[in-house]
Amino acid sequence: MKQIEPWVNQSAAATYRAYSTWISLSDMRQHLWSWAYANEKRVREYLTHQDGERIIRSILNREARNYAIKERATMTGYSPEDIAWYSITAIKNILPDVFDHEDWQTFEVGS
């Protein structure tokens, strides 16, 4: 598990920078380590894959983001769905027809 320590630290630090009002760096690191130890068998299996580092980093980033969103929701009183920052891909999945318009960023502005 020592092998993933830099990845845990990087994921925790990146998420902390984005959500520092609602989480602490030590809490974020602790949460990621808890996940890693609870899923130790999966982590070891991923490490045997050629792209294991990418897989683990992706999972750590997702876990960190989900933890930060829950903490932010708790402190602000909003639901996690209302405060999540969505990527363009997620927005396209939720509202696929919005991107069909050539001028989607200014579509019906002012109406």
N, C-alpha and C. Protein backbone atom coordinates (compact mmCIF):
# COMPACT_ATOMS: atom_id res chain seq x y z
N MET A 1 0.82 -1.20 0.00
CA MET A 1 0.00 0.00 0.00
C MET A 1 0.87 1.26 0.00
N LYS A 2 2.11 1.11 0.34
CA LYS A 2 3.02 2.25 0.35
C LYS A 2 3.16 2.84 -1.05
N GLN A 3 2.98 2.01 -2.06
CA GLN A 3 3.14 2.44 -3.45
C GLN A 3 2.13 3.52 -3.84
N ILE A 4 0.94 3.49 -3.24
CA ILE A 4 -0.09 4.46 -3.64
C ILE A 4 -0.06 5.74 -2.81
N GLU A 5 0.85 5.83 -1.85
CA GLU A 5 0.90 7.02 -0.99
C GLU A 5 1.01 8.34 -1.76
N PRO A 6 1.88 8.44 -2.77
CA PRO A 6 1.94 9.71 -3.51
C PRO A 6 0.62 10.03 -4.21
N TRP A 7 -0.07 9.03 -4.68
CA TRP A 7 -1.34 9.24 -5.39
C TRP A 7 -2.42 9.71 -4.42
N VAL A 8 -2.42 9.12 -3.22
CA VAL A 8 -3.36 9.55 -2.18
C VAL A 8 -3.10 11.01 -1.84
N ASN A 9 -1.84 11.35 -1.64
CA ASN A 9 -1.48 12.73 -1.28
C ASN A 9 -1.86 13.71 -2.38
N GLN A 10 -1.63 13.35 -3.64
CA GLN A 10 -1.97 14.23 -4.75
C GLN A 10 -3.47 14.42 -4.89
N SER A 11 -4.23 13.34 -4.79
CA SER A 11 -5.69 13.44 -4.89
C SER A 11 -6.25 14.28 -3.75
N ALA A 12 -5.74 14.03 -2.55
CA ALA A 12 -6.21 14.78 -1.38
C ALA A 12 -5.89 16.26 -1.53
N ALA A 13 -4.68 16.58 -1.97
CA ALA A 13 -4.27 17.98 -2.10
C ALA A 13 -5.08 18.70 -3.18
N ALA A 14 -5.29 18.05 -4.31
CA ALA A 14 -6.04 18.68 -5.40
C ALA A 14 -7.48 18.96 -4.97
N THR A 15 -8.10 18.00 -4.32
CA THR A 15 -9.48 18.18 -3.89
C THR A 15 -9.56 19.21 -2.76
N TYR A 16 -8.59 19.18 -1.88
CA TYR A 16 -8.55 20.16 -0.80
C TYR A 16 -8.49 21.59 -1.35
N ARG A 17 -7.67 21.81 -2.38
CA ARG A 17 -7.58 23.15 -2.96
C ARG A 17 -8.93 23.62 -3.49
N ALA A 18 -9.71 22.72 -4.05
CA ALA A 18 -11.01 23.10 -4.61
C ALA A 18 -12.09 23.26 -3.54
N TYR A 19 -11.97 22.54 -2.44
CA TYR A 19 -13.03 22.52 -1.42
C TYR A 19 -12.51 22.93 -0.04
N SER A 20 -11.48 23.74 0.02
CA SER A 20 -10.83 24.04 1.30
C SER A 20 -11.74 24.73 2.32
N THR A 21 -12.80 25.34 1.88
CA THR A 21 -13.74 25.96 2.82
C THR A 21 -14.49 24.90 3.62
N TRP A 22 -14.66 23.72 3.06
CA TRP A 22 -15.52 22.71 3.67
C TRP A 22 -14.80 21.48 4.20
N ILE A 23 -13.55 21.28 3.81
CA ILE A 23 -12.83 20.08 4.26
C ILE A 23 -11.43 20.46 4.71
N SER A 24 -10.81 19.56 5.46
CA SER A 24 -9.40 19.76 5.83
C SER A 24 -8.57 18.72 5.06
N LEU A 25 -7.33 19.06 4.84
CA LEU A 25 -6.44 18.16 4.09
C LEU A 25 -6.27 16.84 4.84
N SER A 26 -6.13 16.90 6.15
CA SER A 26 -5.94 15.66 6.91
C SER A 26 -7.17 14.77 6.86
N ASP A 27 -8.37 15.35 6.92
CA ASP A 27 -9.59 14.55 6.80
C ASP A 27 -9.68 13.89 5.43
N MET A 28 -9.30 14.65 4.40
CA MET A 28 -9.35 14.09 3.04
C MET A 28 -8.37 12.93 2.90
N ARG A 29 -7.15 13.11 3.38
CA ARG A 29 -6.17 12.03 3.31
C ARG A 29 -6.67 10.81 4.09
N GLN A 30 -7.22 11.05 5.27
CA GLN A 30 -7.71 9.94 6.09
C GLN A 30 -8.83 9.19 5.37
N HIS A 31 -9.73 9.93 4.74
CA HIS A 31 -10.82 9.29 4.01
C HIS A 31 -10.27 8.42 2.88
N LEU A 32 -9.31 8.93 2.13
CA LEU A 32 -8.75 8.16 1.02
C LEU A 32 -8.00 6.92 1.50
N TRP A 33 -7.28 7.05 2.60
CA TRP A 33 -6.60 5.88 3.15
C TRP A 33 -7.61 4.86 3.66
N SER A 34 -8.69 5.32 4.26
CA SER A 34 -9.74 4.39 4.71
C SER A 34 -10.30 3.61 3.53
N TRP A 35 -10.54 4.33 2.42
CA TRP A 35 -11.02 3.65 1.22
C TRP A 35 -9.99 2.64 0.73
N ALA A 36 -8.73 3.04 0.69
CA ALA A 36 -7.68 2.16 0.18
C ALA A 36 -7.56 0.88 1.02
N TYR A 37 -7.60 1.01 2.33
CA TYR A 37 -7.49 -0.17 3.18
C TYR A 37 -8.75 -1.03 3.13
N ALA A 38 -9.90 -0.41 2.99
CA ALA A 38 -11.15 -1.19 2.87
C ALA A 38 -11.20 -1.95 1.55
N ASN A 39 -10.49 -1.44 0.54
CA ASN A 39 -10.48 -2.06 -0.79
C ASN A 39 -9.08 -2.55 -1.17
N GLU A 40 -8.34 -2.99 -0.19
CA GLU A 40 -6.94 -3.38 -0.39
C GLU A 40 -6.79 -4.46 -1.47
N LYS A 41 -7.68 -5.42 -1.46
CA LYS A 41 -7.59 -6.50 -2.46
C LYS A 41 -7.74 -5.94 -3.88
N ARG A 42 -8.73 -5.05 -4.07
CA ARG A 42 -8.94 -4.43 -5.38
C ARG A 42 -7.74 -3.59 -5.78
N VAL A 43 -7.18 -2.84 -4.83
CA VAL A 43 -6.02 -1.98 -5.13
C VAL A 43 -4.86 -2.84 -5.60
N ARG A 44 -4.59 -3.90 -4.89
CA ARG A 44 -3.48 -4.79 -5.29
C ARG A 44 -3.72 -5.40 -6.67
N GLU A 45 -4.97 -5.74 -6.94
CA GLU A 45 -5.31 -6.29 -8.26
C GLU A 45 -5.09 -5.24 -9.35
N TYR A 46 -5.53 -4.01 -9.10
CA TYR A 46 -5.33 -2.94 -10.08
C TYR A 46 -3.85 -2.68 -10.34
N LEU A 47 -3.03 -2.82 -9.32
CA LEU A 47 -1.60 -2.56 -9.48
C LEU A 47 -0.93 -3.56 -10.41
N THR A 48 -1.55 -4.71 -10.61
CA THR A 48 -0.98 -5.69 -11.53
C THR A 48 -1.31 -5.38 -12.99
N HIS A 49 -2.30 -4.51 -13.24
CA HIS A 49 -2.66 -4.13 -14.59
C HIS A 49 -1.64 -3.15 -15.16
N GLN A 50 -1.55 -3.13 -16.46
CA GLN A 50 -0.63 -2.20 -17.12
C GLN A 50 -1.01 -0.75 -16.82
N ASP A 51 -2.29 -0.46 -16.82
CA ASP A 51 -2.75 0.91 -16.53
C ASP A 51 -3.31 1.02 -15.11
N GLY A 52 -2.76 0.26 -14.19
CA GLY A 52 -3.22 0.24 -12.81
C GLY A 52 -3.11 1.59 -12.12
N GLU A 53 -2.02 2.31 -12.39
CA GLU A 53 -1.87 3.62 -11.77
C GLU A 53 -2.99 4.55 -12.19
N ARG A 54 -3.32 4.56 -13.46
CA ARG A 54 -4.40 5.42 -13.96
C ARG A 54 -5.72 5.05 -13.31
N ILE A 55 -5.99 3.76 -13.19
CA ILE A 55 -7.24 3.29 -12.59
C ILE A 55 -7.33 3.75 -11.14
N ILE A 56 -6.27 3.53 -10.38
CA ILE A 56 -6.28 3.88 -8.96
C ILE A 56 -6.39 5.38 -8.77
N ARG A 57 -5.65 6.15 -9.56
CA ARG A 57 -5.73 7.61 -9.46
C ARG A 57 -7.14 8.10 -9.77
N SER A 58 -7.75 7.51 -10.76
CA SER A 58 -9.11 7.89 -11.13
C SER A 58 -10.08 7.61 -9.99
N ILE A 59 -9.96 6.45 -9.40
CA ILE A 59 -10.83 6.08 -8.28
C ILE A 59 -10.59 7.00 -7.08
N LEU A 60 -9.34 7.27 -6.78
CA LEU A 60 -9.03 8.16 -5.65
C LEU A 60 -9.60 9.55 -5.88
N ASN A 61 -9.47 10.06 -7.10
CA ASN A 61 -10.03 11.38 -7.40
C ASN A 61 -11.54 11.40 -7.26
N ARG A 62 -12.19 10.34 -7.72
CA ARG A 62 -13.65 10.25 -7.59
C ARG A 62 -14.07 10.16 -6.13
N GLU A 63 -13.38 9.33 -5.36
CA GLU A 63 -13.68 9.19 -3.94
C GLU A 63 -13.48 10.52 -3.20
N ALA A 64 -12.41 11.21 -3.52
CA ALA A 64 -12.13 12.49 -2.87
C ALA A 64 -13.21 13.51 -3.21
N ARG A 65 -13.58 13.57 -4.47
CA ARG A 65 -14.60 14.52 -4.89
C ARG A 65 -15.95 14.22 -4.23
N ASN A 66 -16.33 12.94 -4.20
CA ASN A 66 -17.60 12.56 -3.57
C ASN A 66 -17.60 12.90 -2.08
N TYR A 67 -16.47 12.67 -1.41
CA TYR A 67 -16.37 13.02 0.02
C TYR A 67 -16.51 14.53 0.21
N ALA A 68 -15.82 15.30 -0.62
CA ALA A 68 -15.87 16.76 -0.50
C ALA A 68 -17.27 17.29 -0.77
N ILE A 69 -17.94 16.73 -1.75
CA ILE A 69 -19.31 17.16 -2.06
C ILE A 69 -20.24 16.88 -0.88
N LYS A 70 -20.10 15.71 -0.28
CA LYS A 70 -20.95 15.38 0.88
C LYS A 70 -20.68 16.32 2.05
N GLU A 71 -19.41 16.63 2.29
CA GLU A 71 -19.07 17.55 3.37
C GLU A 71 -19.61 18.95 3.08
N ARG A 72 -19.47 19.38 1.84
CA ARG A 72 -19.98 20.71 1.47
C ARG A 72 -21.50 20.75 1.61
N ALA A 73 -22.17 19.69 1.21
CA ALA A 73 -23.62 19.63 1.33
C ALA A 73 -24.05 19.70 2.79
N THR A 74 -23.35 18.98 3.64
CA THR A 74 -23.66 18.99 5.07
C THR A 74 -23.53 20.39 5.65
N MET A 75 -22.47 21.08 5.29
CA MET A 75 -22.23 22.41 5.86
C MET A 75 -23.11 23.51 5.26
N THR A 76 -23.53 23.35 4.01
CA THR A 76 -24.35 24.39 3.38
C THR A 76 -25.84 24.12 3.51
N GLY A 77 -26.21 22.88 3.79
CA GLY A 77 -27.62 22.54 3.91
C GLY A 77 -28.28 22.19 2.59
N TYR A 78 -27.53 22.18 1.51
CA TYR A 78 -28.07 21.79 0.20
C TYR A 78 -27.85 20.30 -0.02
N SER A 79 -28.56 19.74 -0.99
CA SER A 79 -28.34 18.33 -1.32
C SER A 79 -27.08 18.22 -2.17
N PRO A 80 -26.39 17.09 -2.12
CA PRO A 80 -25.17 16.91 -2.92
C PRO A 80 -25.39 17.16 -4.42
N GLU A 81 -26.56 16.79 -4.93
CA GLU A 81 -26.84 16.98 -6.35
C GLU A 81 -26.90 18.45 -6.73
N ASP A 82 -27.29 19.30 -5.79
CA ASP A 82 -27.42 20.73 -6.08
C ASP A 82 -26.09 21.47 -6.06
N ILE A 83 -25.08 20.90 -5.45
CA ILE A 83 -23.81 21.62 -5.33
C ILE A 83 -22.66 20.96 -6.09
N ALA A 84 -22.92 19.85 -6.75
CA ALA A 84 -21.85 19.17 -7.50
C ALA A 84 -21.45 20.01 -8.70
N TRP A 85 -20.15 20.03 -8.99
CA TRP A 85 -19.64 20.72 -10.16
C TRP A 85 -19.57 19.70 -11.27
N TYR A 86 -20.37 19.91 -12.30
CA TYR A 86 -20.47 18.93 -13.37
C TYR A 86 -19.49 19.22 -14.50
N SER A 87 -18.94 18.16 -15.06
CA SER A 87 -18.07 18.30 -16.23
C SER A 87 -18.95 18.47 -17.46
N ILE A 88 -18.34 18.88 -18.57
CA ILE A 88 -19.07 19.02 -19.83
C ILE A 88 -19.71 17.68 -20.22
N THR A 89 -19.00 16.58 -20.01
CA THR A 89 -19.54 15.26 -20.34
C THR A 89 -20.78 14.96 -19.53
N ALA A 90 -20.74 15.26 -18.23
CA ALA A 90 -21.91 15.02 -17.38
C ALA A 90 -23.08 15.89 -17.80
N ILE A 91 -22.82 17.14 -18.15
CA ILE A 91 -23.89 18.03 -18.60
C ILE A 91 -24.49 17.51 -19.89
N LYS A 92 -23.65 17.04 -20.81
CA LYS A 92 -24.16 16.48 -22.07
C LYS A 92 -25.04 15.26 -21.82
N ASN A 93 -24.69 14.47 -20.82
CA ASN A 93 -25.50 13.29 -20.49
C ASN A 93 -26.83 13.69 -19.88
N ILE A 94 -26.83 14.75 -19.08
CA ILE A 94 -28.06 15.20 -18.43
C ILE A 94 -28.95 15.98 -19.39
N LEU A 95 -28.34 16.84 -20.20
CA LEU A 95 -29.08 17.72 -21.12
C LEU A 95 -28.51 17.59 -22.54
N PRO A 96 -28.72 16.46 -23.19
CA PRO A 96 -28.08 16.25 -24.48
C PRO A 96 -28.53 17.22 -25.58
N ASP A 97 -29.75 17.69 -25.54
CA ASP A 97 -30.24 18.55 -26.61
C ASP A 97 -29.68 19.98 -26.54
N VAL A 98 -29.16 20.39 -25.40
CA VAL A 98 -28.62 21.74 -25.26
C VAL A 98 -27.45 21.95 -26.23
N PHE A 99 -26.64 20.93 -26.42
CA PHE A 99 -25.45 21.06 -27.25
C PHE A 99 -25.76 20.89 -28.74
N ASP A 100 -27.01 20.62 -29.09
CA ASP A 100 -27.39 20.51 -30.50
C ASP A 100 -27.44 21.87 -31.18
N HIS A 101 -27.57 22.91 -30.39
CA HIS A 101 -27.66 24.26 -30.96
C HIS A 101 -26.26 24.79 -31.22
N GLU A 102 -26.07 25.35 -32.39
CA GLU A 102 -24.76 25.87 -32.78
C GLU A 102 -24.29 26.97 -31.82
N ASP A 103 -25.21 27.79 -31.39
CA ASP A 103 -24.87 28.88 -30.48
C ASP A 103 -25.40 28.58 -29.07
N TRP A 104 -25.12 27.38 -28.57
CA TRP A 104 -25.71 26.91 -27.32
C TRP A 104 -25.40 27.80 -26.13
N GLN A 105 -24.28 28.50 -26.15
CA GLN A 105 -23.94 29.34 -25.01
C GLN A 105 -24.77 30.62 -24.95
N THR A 106 -25.32 31.05 -26.09
CA THR A 106 -26.09 32.27 -26.10
C THR A 106 -27.53 32.02 -26.53
N PHE A 107 -27.93 30.77 -26.61
CA PHE A 107 -29.27 30.40 -27.06
C PHE A 107 -30.33 31.03 -26.18
N GLU A 108 -31.20 31.79 -26.77
CA GLU A 108 -32.34 32.44 -26.10
C GLU A 108 -31.91 33.33 -24.92
N VAL A 109 -30.76 33.94 -25.01
CA VAL A 109 -30.34 34.87 -23.98
C VAL A 109 -31.22 36.10 -24.07
N GLY A 110 -31.73 36.51 -22.96
CA GLY A 110 -32.55 37.71 -22.91
C GLY A 110 -34.02 37.50 -23.19
N SER A 111 -34.40 36.27 -23.47
CA SER A 111 -35.83 36.04 -23.71
C SER A 111 -36.53 35.58 -22.45
